[in-house]
């Protein structure tokens, strides 16, 4: 390395161009750029040791470019220490390294006398980088925009951050994403994102900032949460799904505690639970698995909940109409299978099949515009469909929900609601199909109900199909538009 003193000597002693004398004074931003040795890549003598200190102001970084052919087996090395005292050994060839405030140190060490070294440095002001602000509860692709930093803000407390990559155990690119403890790049440097997530750290303030000076691509996604919420769990993690790919994982949650996982599918707004088993632990009390919309920070109530002893297999596959949802498991061993994207088996039913049909607005309560919804269930034989509609909320003008039952050669029967209705009640019909359509497109309209499929044999059903019904009367209870229904999956018997 070279210091301000060396630059002064250069002008009075040109022979320094061949001088490998180690600078003994710290280099500051008063020398905004430089290089060492002055004539470029040079061979260093054996048993050479040099350390050069750099002072780095807040809001600045140093960009080092290093060239070396030093081999580890020869005990020759070029190492950079960052302000968190982490050491980075530079590989053979050319390497780039960014050192954040407030200090850094370069170490050149030789043993063989065969190694060559050259490096340059440049102070860069990053305090004017463009701010991209996100609230906690945000899931983000970690391909960060150049010359920008990403601020995550909590309205409550400290910020926690977790990462995950699809199909790989470890994404080395997050080593090149830097974490700052505050609202911008003048804040304290906390290390790289790999270090930060490995130790389960959090910001000390209500903001956390990320930046990638290297402008390298990443396969990872990250999620910011309020630390006070995710710290309640023994373990919390993020998992990335992909449309058309199956996911399987086992989770073990010790007695007396909860763990949570947020799932994110970037290329589909529908995911299906295709397998779920819950193994009871010895600790007394309820053992369950629940699914809630979005992230822990959003703190929505359970939409689905399964307990030990429930015949869960009858209720699968189960549809979740969102790209983001969270599973919480309490003192149990859980095996979970998911499929992201369309799943034809959702619509195939048989005697004993049960399920829960939930509008997109319930799974996406913060989305202003949600898609209309339709689904069809078919059976290879005539069966009895039973449904129970506890409540329907209609807040969009002209919106309605229609449930229709039919079979070849029979006139369809069903029910339709176009106003908010409490206690809509149970309906049953013998049919080979059941269709559900819902054209509410905002969170002002929502529905949720459970269905059950029964065999008509060995005894013939004596019940009568429910005729088609339309509701036009005002409901005795008008629910708030923001209401989110909770379905406790207790596997009702009809």
Protein backbone atom coordinates (compact mmCIF):
# COMPACT_ATOMS: atom_id res chain seq x y z
CA UNK A 1 0.00 0.00 0.00
CA UNK A 2 0.93 3.63 -0.28
CA UNK A 3 0.33 6.56 2.02
CA UNK A 4 0.29 10.34 1.73
CA UNK A 5 3.90 10.27 2.89
CA UNK A 6 4.80 7.98 -0.01
CA UNK A 7 3.15 10.30 -2.51
CA UNK A 8 5.31 13.15 -1.21
CA UNK A 9 8.45 11.05 -1.55
CA UNK A 10 7.47 10.11 -5.10
CA UNK A 11 7.91 13.66 -6.31
CA UNK A 12 11.40 14.05 -4.83
CA UNK A 13 12.66 10.50 -5.24
CA UNK A 14 11.50 8.78 -8.45
CA UNK A 15 13.52 5.72 -7.49
CA UNK A 16 10.71 4.90 -5.04
CA UNK A 17 8.91 3.37 -8.00
CA UNK A 18 10.92 0.22 -7.26
CA UNK A 19 10.66 0.63 -3.49
CA UNK A 20 8.63 -1.99 -1.58
CA UNK A 21 9.02 -0.23 1.78
CA UNK A 22 5.89 -0.70 3.88
CA UNK A 23 4.11 2.58 4.75
CA UNK A 24 4.02 3.21 8.49
CA UNK A 25 1.36 5.95 8.66
CA UNK A 26 -2.43 5.47 8.30
CA UNK A 27 -3.89 6.48 4.95
CA UNK A 28 -6.88 8.84 5.05
CA UNK A 29 -9.37 10.29 2.58
CA UNK A 30 -6.90 13.14 2.09
CA UNK A 31 -5.27 10.70 -0.33
CA UNK A 32 -8.45 9.73 -2.23
CA UNK A 33 -6.71 7.22 -4.49
CA UNK A 34 -3.36 5.49 -4.92
CA UNK A 35 -1.61 2.22 -5.65
CA UNK A 36 1.30 0.11 -4.49
CA UNK A 37 3.87 -0.73 -5.86
CA UNK A 38 3.94 2.34 -8.08
CA UNK A 39 5.12 0.53 -11.20
CA UNK A 40 2.46 -2.17 -11.02
CA UNK A 41 2.65 -5.88 -10.26
CA UNK A 42 5.99 -6.71 -8.61
CA UNK A 43 7.63 -9.74 -7.05
CA UNK A 44 8.12 -9.42 -3.30
CA UNK A 45 11.06 -10.89 -1.38
CA UNK A 46 10.76 -13.82 1.00
CA UNK A 47 9.74 -13.23 4.60
CA UNK A 48 8.16 -9.88 3.77
CA UNK A 49 5.50 -8.59 6.18
CA UNK A 50 3.59 -5.34 5.79
CA UNK A 51 0.36 -3.96 7.23
CA UNK A 52 -1.19 -0.69 6.05
CA UNK A 53 -4.04 0.97 7.92
CA UNK A 54 -6.83 2.97 6.26
CA UNK A 55 -9.16 5.41 7.98
CA UNK A 56 -12.61 5.63 6.39
CA UNK A 57 -15.11 8.43 7.17
CA UNK A 58 -18.84 7.71 7.67
CA UNK A 59 -20.70 7.65 4.36
CA UNK A 60 -17.64 6.48 2.41
CA UNK A 61 -16.13 3.17 1.33
CA UNK A 62 -12.76 2.20 -0.12
CA UNK A 63 -12.68 0.19 -3.33
CA UNK A 64 -9.60 -2.05 -3.39
CA UNK A 65 -8.45 -3.75 -6.61
CA UNK A 66 -5.89 -6.47 -5.89
CA UNK A 67 -3.70 -8.51 -8.23
CA UNK A 68 -1.63 -11.42 -6.94
CA UNK A 69 -0.32 -14.86 -7.83
CA UNK A 70 0.27 -15.79 -4.17
CA UNK A 71 -0.33 -19.48 -3.46
CA UNK A 72 -1.59 -20.74 -0.13
CA UNK A 73 0.79 -23.70 -0.16
CA UNK A 74 3.74 -21.29 -0.34
CA UNK A 75 2.44 -19.42 2.72
CA UNK A 76 2.17 -16.19 0.73
CA UNK A 77 -0.96 -14.08 1.18
CA UNK A 78 -2.75 -10.79 0.65
CA UNK A 79 -5.43 -10.18 3.29
CA UNK A 80 -7.85 -7.31 3.92
CA UNK A 81 -9.43 -6.75 7.33
CA UNK A 82 -12.73 -4.85 7.46
CA UNK A 83 -14.04 -2.62 10.25
CA UNK A 84 -15.75 -5.61 11.88
CA UNK A 85 -12.31 -7.34 12.15
CA UNK A 86 -13.25 -9.96 9.55
CA UNK A 87 -10.31 -11.12 7.43
CA UNK A 88 -10.65 -11.69 3.66
CA UNK A 89 -7.87 -13.49 1.76
CA UNK A 90 -7.57 -12.38 -1.86
CA UNK A 91 -7.48 -15.17 -4.46
CA UNK A 92 -5.02 -15.64 -7.32
CA UNK A 93 -5.85 -13.23 -10.15
CA UNK A 94 -7.65 -9.92 -9.78
CA UNK A 95 -10.04 -9.29 -6.91
CA UNK A 96 -12.26 -6.36 -5.93
CA UNK A 97 -13.11 -5.59 -2.31
CA UNK A 98 -15.11 -2.76 -0.75
CA UNK A 99 -14.21 -1.70 2.79
CA UNK A 100 -16.85 0.17 4.77
CA UNK A 101 -16.32 2.83 7.45
CA UNK A 102 -14.58 3.36 9.77
CA UNK A 103 -11.31 1.53 9.15
CA UNK A 104 -9.62 -1.22 7.20
CA UNK A 105 -6.20 -2.83 7.10
CA UNK A 106 -4.19 -4.52 4.36
CA UNK A 107 -1.72 -7.31 5.18
CA UNK A 108 0.94 -8.54 2.73
CA UNK A 109 2.91 -11.56 3.89
CA UNK A 110 5.40 -13.72 2.01
CA UNK A 111 7.40 -16.85 2.68
CA UNK A 112 8.61 -18.09 -0.70
CA UNK A 113 9.97 -15.02 -2.45
CA UNK A 114 7.99 -16.10 -5.54
CA UNK A 115 4.76 -14.12 -4.99
CA UNK A 116 3.82 -10.93 -6.82
CA UNK A 117 1.41 -8.27 -5.57
CA UNK A 118 -0.22 -5.05 -6.68
CA UNK A 119 -3.20 -3.15 -5.35
CA UNK A 120 -4.96 0.16 -5.76
CA UNK A 121 -7.50 1.99 -3.64
CA UNK A 122 -10.15 4.63 -4.17
CA UNK A 123 -12.29 6.44 -1.62
CA UNK A 124 -15.95 6.61 -2.77
CA UNK A 125 -18.68 8.81 -1.27
CA UNK A 126 -21.83 6.64 -0.96
CA UNK A 127 -23.85 9.02 1.21
CA UNK A 128 -25.82 10.26 -1.81
CA UNK A 129 -26.95 6.81 -3.02
CA UNK A 130 -30.66 6.61 -3.89
CA UNK A 131 -32.88 5.42 -1.04
CA UNK A 132 -35.45 2.65 -1.73
CA UNK A 133 -37.66 2.39 1.34
CA UNK A 134 -39.69 -0.65 2.40
CA UNK A 135 -41.70 -1.42 5.55
CA UNK A 136 -41.05 -4.52 7.64
CA UNK A 137 -43.10 -7.40 6.32
CA UNK A 138 -41.52 -6.95 2.86
CA UNK A 139 -40.11 -9.91 0.90
CA UNK A 140 -37.45 -8.69 -1.53
CA UNK A 141 -35.45 -10.12 -4.42
CA UNK A 142 -31.81 -9.44 -3.44
CA UNK A 143 -30.77 -8.36 -6.93
CA UNK A 144 -30.22 -4.87 -5.56
CA UNK A 145 -30.17 -1.84 -7.86
CA UNK A 146 -26.78 -0.21 -8.47
CA UNK A 147 -26.03 3.08 -6.67
CA UNK A 148 -29.03 2.52 -4.39
CA UNK A 149 -29.56 1.31 -0.86
CA UNK A 150 -32.62 -0.44 0.57
CA UNK A 151 -33.98 0.85 3.85
CA UNK A 152 -36.34 -1.35 5.89
CA UNK A 153 -38.38 0.55 8.45
CA UNK A 154 -40.26 -0.77 11.47
CA UNK A 155 -43.03 1.25 13.07
CA UNK A 156 -42.48 -0.63 16.31
CA UNK A 157 -38.91 -1.60 17.10
CA UNK A 158 -35.73 -3.21 15.77
CA UNK A 159 -35.56 -4.86 12.35
CA UNK A 160 -34.72 -8.55 11.81
CA UNK A 161 -33.72 -9.89 8.39
CA UNK A 162 -33.67 -13.44 7.01
CA UNK A 163 -32.68 -14.82 3.62
CA UNK A 164 -33.35 -17.89 1.49
CA UNK A 165 -32.46 -19.08 -2.01
CA UNK A 166 -34.32 -21.50 -4.25
CA UNK A 167 -32.69 -24.88 -4.71
CA UNK A 168 -29.34 -24.08 -3.07
CA UNK A 169 -28.20 -24.36 0.53
CA UNK A 170 -25.97 -21.30 0.48
CA UNK A 171 -25.81 -18.32 -1.87
CA UNK A 172 -22.32 -16.80 -1.78
CA UNK A 173 -23.62 -13.57 -3.32
CA UNK A 174 -25.02 -12.36 0.00
CA UNK A 175 -21.44 -12.01 1.26
CA UNK A 176 -21.34 -8.98 -1.04
CA UNK A 177 -24.42 -7.32 0.41
CA UNK A 178 -23.53 -4.96 3.25
CA UNK A 179 -25.72 -4.20 6.27
CA UNK A 180 -25.94 -0.80 7.98
CA UNK A 181 -27.55 -0.21 11.37
CA UNK A 182 -29.80 2.71 10.55
CA UNK A 183 -31.63 4.74 7.98
CA UNK A 184 -28.80 5.28 5.45
CA UNK A 185 -25.16 4.56 4.61
CA UNK A 186 -23.88 7.03 7.19
CA UNK A 187 -24.99 4.53 9.85
CA UNK A 188 -22.76 1.97 11.55
CA UNK A 189 -21.55 -0.89 9.35
CA UNK A 190 -22.75 -4.25 10.75
CA UNK A 191 -20.93 -6.61 8.38
CA UNK A 192 -22.10 -8.47 5.33
CA UNK A 193 -25.54 -10.06 5.08
CA UNK A 194 -24.20 -13.61 5.45
CA UNK A 195 -22.61 -12.73 8.78
CA UNK A 196 -25.67 -10.79 9.89
CA UNK A 197 -28.12 -13.63 9.23
CA UNK A 198 -25.82 -16.39 10.53
CA UNK A 199 -25.80 -14.89 14.03
CA UNK A 200 -29.50 -13.96 13.97
CA UNK A 201 -28.74 -10.32 14.56
CA UNK A 202 -31.05 -7.32 14.28
CA UNK A 203 -30.73 -3.57 13.98
CA UNK A 204 -30.46 -1.51 17.16
CA UNK A 205 -32.79 1.09 15.67
CA UNK A 206 -36.08 1.13 13.76
CA UNK A 207 -34.26 1.02 10.42
CA UNK A 208 -31.90 -1.38 8.66
CA UNK A 209 -30.19 -0.62 5.32
CA UNK A 210 -28.74 -2.98 2.69
CA UNK A 211 -26.48 -2.16 -0.26
CA UNK A 212 -24.49 -4.09 -2.87
CA UNK A 213 -21.44 -2.08 -3.98
CA UNK A 214 -20.28 -4.99 -6.15
CA UNK A 215 -23.44 -4.90 -8.34
CA UNK A 216 -23.37 -8.70 -8.51
CA UNK A 217 -26.55 -10.76 -9.15
CA UNK A 218 -28.10 -12.85 -6.40
CA UNK A 219 -30.33 -15.93 -6.35
CA UNK A 220 -31.58 -15.07 -2.88
CA UNK A 221 -34.61 -13.38 -1.42
CA UNK A 222 -34.79 -11.61 1.90
CA UNK A 223 -37.52 -10.72 4.38
CA UNK A 224 -37.60 -7.93 6.96
CA UNK A 225 -39.71 -8.35 10.10
CA UNK A 226 -40.24 -6.60 13.40
CA UNK A 227 -37.69 -8.19 15.71
CA UNK A 228 -40.09 -8.18 18.67
CA UNK A 229 -42.45 -10.49 16.77
CA UNK A 230 -40.06 -13.06 15.25
CA UNK A 231 -38.02 -13.22 18.47
CA UNK A 232 -41.01 -14.92 20.09
CA UNK A 233 -40.29 -18.03 18.04
CA UNK A 234 -37.58 -20.51 18.84
CA UNK A 235 -36.77 -20.58 15.13
CA UNK A 236 -37.89 -18.39 12.26
CA UNK A 237 -36.95 -18.78 8.60
CA UNK A 238 -37.88 -17.94 5.03
CA UNK A 239 -38.44 -20.53 2.28
CA UNK A 240 -38.67 -19.82 -1.45
CA UNK A 241 -41.03 -21.85 -3.65
CA UNK A 242 -41.15 -22.11 -7.43
CA UNK A 243 -44.15 -22.67 -9.68
CA UNK A 244 -44.36 -26.27 -10.85
CA UNK A 245 -41.85 -27.52 -8.26
CA UNK A 246 -42.62 -29.55 -5.16
CA UNK A 247 -41.39 -28.56 -1.70
CA UNK A 248 -40.85 -30.94 1.21
CA UNK A 249 -39.31 -30.33 4.61
CA UNK A 250 -39.48 -31.69 8.15
CA UNK A 251 -39.63 -29.29 11.07
CA UNK A 252 -39.02 -30.24 14.69
CA UNK A 253 -40.38 -27.90 17.33
CA UNK A 254 -39.37 -28.75 20.91
CA UNK A 255 -41.87 -28.96 23.75
CA UNK A 256 -43.30 -25.71 24.97
CA UNK A 257 -42.19 -23.48 22.08
CA UNK A 258 -43.30 -22.27 18.65
CA UNK A 259 -41.41 -22.00 15.38
CA UNK A 260 -42.48 -20.18 12.22
CA UNK A 261 -41.66 -20.25 8.51
CA UNK A 262 -42.71 -17.72 5.89
CA UNK A 263 -43.18 -19.13 2.38
CA UNK A 264 -42.86 -17.00 -0.74
CA UNK A 265 -43.58 -18.09 -4.32
CA UNK A 266 -42.45 -15.27 -6.65
CA UNK A 267 -44.09 -16.65 -9.78
CA UNK A 268 -47.56 -17.74 -8.64
CA UNK A 269 -50.42 -16.50 -6.48
CA UNK A 270 -51.54 -20.01 -5.55
CA UNK A 271 -49.94 -22.73 -3.45
CA UNK A 272 -51.33 -26.08 -2.30
CA UNK A 273 -50.67 -28.02 0.88
CA UNK A 274 -50.25 -31.51 -0.55
CA UNK A 275 -48.96 -33.28 2.54
CA UNK A 276 -49.05 -32.52 6.27
CA UNK A 277 -48.40 -34.76 9.27
CA UNK A 278 -48.12 -33.65 12.89
CA UNK A 279 -46.43 -35.95 15.39
CA UNK A 280 -47.30 -35.38 19.02
CA UNK A 281 -44.52 -34.62 21.49
CA UNK A 282 -44.59 -35.58 25.19
CA UNK A 283 -45.13 -32.09 26.56
CA UNK A 284 -48.72 -31.52 27.79
CA UNK A 285 -50.99 -29.12 25.93
CA UNK A 286 -52.20 -28.63 22.39
CA UNK A 287 -49.99 -29.43 19.40
CA UNK A 288 -50.96 -27.68 16.20
CA UNK A 289 -49.91 -26.15 12.91
CA UNK A 290 -51.52 -22.96 11.63
CA UNK A 291 -51.32 -20.90 8.44
CA UNK A 292 -51.74 -17.13 8.37
CA UNK A 293 -51.65 -14.54 5.58
CA UNK A 294 -48.42 -12.75 4.69
CA UNK A 295 -45.64 -12.44 7.33
CA UNK A 296 -45.39 -12.48 11.15
CA UNK A 297 -45.08 -8.68 11.14
CA UNK A 298 -48.56 -8.37 9.63
CA UNK A 299 -49.94 -10.29 12.65
CA UNK A 300 -53.11 -11.61 11.02
CA UNK A 301 -55.19 -14.32 12.66
CA UNK A 302 -55.04 -17.96 11.62
CA UNK A 303 -56.89 -18.82 8.43
CA UNK A 304 -56.17 -22.55 8.70
CA UNK A 305 -55.30 -24.54 11.82
CA UNK A 306 -54.64 -28.29 12.13
CA UNK A 307 -54.27 -30.22 15.40
CA UNK A 308 -52.76 -33.56 16.31
CA UNK A 309 -55.39 -36.26 15.80
CA UNK A 310 -57.29 -34.51 13.00
CA UNK A 311 -57.75 -36.64 9.85
CA UNK A 312 -55.70 -34.10 7.89
CA UNK A 313 -55.23 -36.34 4.85
CA UNK A 314 -58.95 -35.95 4.04
CA UNK A 315 -58.49 -32.18 3.74
CA UNK A 316 -55.63 -32.30 1.26
CA UNK A 317 -54.74 -30.85 -1.09
CA UNK A 318 -55.63 -27.47 0.43
CA UNK A 319 -55.52 -24.28 -1.62
CA UNK A 320 -53.78 -21.07 -0.44
CA UNK A 321 -54.40 -18.13 -2.77
CA UNK A 322 -51.34 -15.98 -2.11
CA UNK A 323 -47.66 -15.74 -2.94
CA UNK A 324 -46.81 -15.12 0.74
CA UNK A 325 -48.02 -16.94 3.86
CA UNK A 326 -46.64 -18.11 7.20
CA UNK A 327 -46.82 -21.44 8.98
CA UNK A 328 -46.55 -21.62 12.78
CA UNK A 329 -45.90 -24.97 14.48
CA UNK A 330 -46.28 -25.54 18.22
CA UNK A 331 -44.39 -28.27 20.13
CA UNK A 332 -44.60 -30.90 17.42
CA UNK A 333 -42.70 -32.63 14.65
CA UNK A 334 -44.13 -31.57 11.29
CA UNK A 335 -43.70 -32.95 7.78
CA UNK A 336 -44.93 -30.54 5.14
CA UNK A 337 -45.31 -30.83 1.36
CA UNK A 338 -46.27 -27.87 -0.83
CA UNK A 339 -46.77 -27.28 -4.54
CA UNK A 340 -46.67 -23.75 -5.92
CA UNK A 341 -48.75 -23.02 -9.02
CA UNK A 342 -51.85 -24.73 -10.47
CA UNK A 343 -52.52 -28.19 -9.04
CA UNK A 344 -55.21 -30.26 -10.85
CA UNK A 345 -55.73 -32.66 -7.93
CA UNK A 346 -57.31 -29.81 -5.96
CA UNK A 347 -60.47 -30.22 -8.04
CA UNK A 348 -60.78 -34.02 -7.78
CA UNK A 349 -63.03 -35.17 -4.95
CA UNK A 350 -64.21 -38.49 -3.51
CA UNK A 351 -66.36 -39.65 -0.57
CA UNK A 352 -64.67 -38.54 2.63
CA UNK A 353 -62.93 -35.55 1.04
CA UNK A 354 -63.10 -32.30 2.98
CA UNK A 355 -61.68 -28.91 2.28
CA UNK A 356 -61.79 -25.16 2.81
CA UNK A 357 -62.54 -22.64 0.12
CA UNK A 358 -61.21 -19.18 0.97
CA UNK A 359 -61.38 -16.05 -1.15
CA UNK A 360 -58.18 -14.35 -2.39
CA UNK A 361 -59.05 -11.24 -0.36
CA UNK A 362 -58.66 -13.13 2.92
CA UNK A 363 -55.21 -14.38 1.99
CA UNK A 364 -54.17 -10.93 0.70
CA UNK A 365 -55.68 -8.43 3.14
CA UNK A 366 -53.28 -5.61 2.23
CA UNK A 367 -53.82 -5.86 -1.55
CA UNK A 368 -56.11 -3.18 -2.93
CA UNK A 369 -57.11 -5.18 -6.00
CA UNK A 370 -57.54 -8.94 -5.89
CA UNK A 371 -58.53 -11.26 -8.75
CA UNK A 372 -62.00 -12.70 -9.14
CA UNK A 373 -62.19 -16.38 -8.18
CA UNK A 374 -63.59 -19.59 -9.62
CA UNK A 375 -62.97 -23.25 -8.93
CA UNK A 376 -64.58 -26.57 -9.83
CA UNK A 377 -64.75 -29.88 -7.99
CA UNK A 378 -65.64 -33.07 -9.86
CA UNK A 379 -66.27 -36.66 -8.85
CA UNK A 380 -66.24 -39.81 -10.95
CA UNK A 381 -69.50 -40.83 -9.27
CA UNK A 382 -72.55 -39.07 -7.90
CA UNK A 383 -71.81 -37.95 -4.37
CA UNK A 384 -73.36 -35.70 -1.80
CA UNK A 385 -71.73 -32.27 -1.53
CA UNK A 386 -72.24 -30.48 1.79
CA UNK A 387 -71.18 -26.91 2.38
CA UNK A 388 -71.42 -24.54 5.33
CA UNK A 389 -71.23 -20.81 4.65
CA UNK A 390 -70.87 -19.01 7.99
CA UNK A 391 -70.59 -15.49 6.56
CA UNK A 392 -70.35 -13.66 3.26
CA UNK A 393 -69.12 -10.07 2.96
CA UNK A 394 -70.07 -8.16 -0.19
CA UNK A 395 -68.64 -4.64 -0.38
CA UNK A 396 -67.94 -4.29 -4.10
CA UNK A 397 -70.87 -2.99 -6.19
CA UNK A 398 -72.42 -5.82 -8.16
CA UNK A 399 -70.24 -8.52 -6.58
CA UNK A 400 -71.68 -11.92 -5.68
CA UNK A 401 -70.72 -15.48 -4.79
CA UNK A 402 -72.43 -18.42 -6.49
CA UNK A 403 -72.10 -22.09 -5.51
CA UNK A 404 -73.62 -24.49 -8.03
CA UNK A 405 -74.13 -28.27 -7.97
CA UNK A 406 -74.86 -30.35 -11.03
CA UNK A 407 -74.75 -33.72 -12.76
CA UNK A 408 -75.30 -34.91 -16.33
CA UNK A 409 -79.01 -34.76 -17.22
CA UNK A 410 -79.96 -32.81 -14.09
CA UNK A 411 -80.87 -29.14 -13.66
CA UNK A 412 -78.14 -27.39 -11.63
CA UNK A 413 -79.05 -26.29 -8.11
CA UNK A 414 -77.20 -24.00 -5.80
CA UNK A 415 -77.05 -20.76 -3.88
CA UNK A 416 -76.05 -17.17 -4.63
CA UNK A 417 -75.33 -14.20 -2.36
CA UNK A 418 -75.02 -10.61 -3.54
CA UNK A 419 -75.18 -8.86 -0.16
CA UNK A 420 -73.36 -9.20 3.12
CA UNK A 421 -74.95 -12.08 5.01
CA UNK A 422 -74.27 -13.49 8.45
CA UNK A 423 -74.93 -17.14 9.12
CA UNK A 424 -75.57 -17.99 5.49
CA UNK A 425 -75.98 -21.58 6.57
CA UNK A 426 -75.58 -25.12 5.22
CA UNK A 427 -76.48 -26.43 1.77
CA UNK A 428 -76.37 -29.99 0.36
CA UNK A 429 -76.89 -31.57 -3.05
CA UNK A 430 -76.37 -34.89 -4.85
CA UNK A 431 -74.14 -34.12 -7.82
CA UNK A 432 -71.01 -34.99 -9.76
CA UNK A 433 -69.62 -31.48 -9.63
CA UNK A 434 -69.61 -28.34 -7.50
CA UNK A 435 -68.51 -24.97 -8.91
CA UNK A 436 -67.74 -21.78 -6.97
CA UNK A 437 -67.51 -18.34 -8.59
CA UNK A 438 -66.82 -15.05 -6.83
CA UNK A 439 -66.38 -11.71 -8.56
CA UNK A 440 -65.42 -9.56 -5.59
CA UNK A 441 -62.12 -7.90 -6.45
CA UNK A 442 -61.16 -5.96 -3.32
CA UNK A 443 -60.77 -6.67 0.39
CA UNK A 444 -64.26 -5.19 0.81
CA UNK A 445 -65.65 -8.55 -0.33
CA UNK A 446 -64.73 -11.95 1.07
CA UNK A 447 -66.01 -15.42 1.88
CA UNK A 448 -64.80 -18.66 3.39
CA UNK A 449 -66.50 -22.00 3.84
CA UNK A 450 -65.90 -25.67 4.47
CA UNK A 451 -67.11 -28.47 2.19
CA UNK A 452 -67.57 -32.17 2.78
CA UNK A 453 -68.16 -34.99 0.27
CA UNK A 454 -70.22 -38.07 1.26
CA UNK A 455 -71.00 -41.33 -0.50
CA UNK A 456 -74.62 -42.07 -1.45
CA UNK A 457 -74.07 -45.75 -0.70
CA UNK A 458 -74.64 -48.24 0.86
CA UNK A 459 -77.91 -46.51 1.73
CA UNK A 460 -79.67 -44.12 -0.65
CA UNK A 461 -79.96 -40.58 0.59
CA UNK A 462 -83.48 -39.40 1.41
CA UNK A 463 -82.63 -35.73 1.68
CA UNK A 464 -83.82 -33.22 -0.88
CA UNK A 465 -81.55 -31.04 -3.00
CA UNK A 466 -81.59 -27.38 -2.04
CA UNK A 467 -83.18 -25.24 -4.79
CA UNK A 468 -81.24 -22.30 -6.22
CA UNK A 469 -81.46 -19.34 -3.85
CA UNK A 470 -80.59 -15.65 -4.29
CA UNK A 471 -80.23 -13.26 -1.36
CA UNK A 472 -81.42 -9.70 -1.83
CA UNK A 473 -82.43 -8.77 1.69
CA UNK A 474 -80.16 -6.69 3.93
CA UNK A 475 -78.17 -8.58 6.49
CA UNK A 476 -78.90 -8.10 10.17
CA UNK A 477 -75.15 -7.79 10.75
CA UNK A 478 -72.91 -5.71 8.51
CA UNK A 479 -69.25 -6.59 8.84
CA UNK A 480 -66.44 -4.10 8.39
CA UNK A 481 -64.83 -4.28 4.95
CA UNK A 482 -61.46 -5.10 6.45
CA UNK A 483 -62.73 -8.16 8.30
CA UNK A 484 -60.66 -11.31 7.89
CA UNK A 485 -62.38 -14.59 8.66
CA UNK A 486 -60.75 -17.28 10.75
CA UNK A 487 -61.32 -20.89 9.83
CA UNK A 488 -60.37 -23.24 12.62
CA UNK A 489 -59.95 -26.54 10.88
CA UNK A 490 -61.68 -28.90 13.26
CA UNK A 491 -63.07 -31.12 10.51
CA UNK A 492 -66.77 -30.60 11.02
CA UNK A 493 -69.18 -33.52 10.68
CA UNK A 494 -72.20 -32.63 8.57
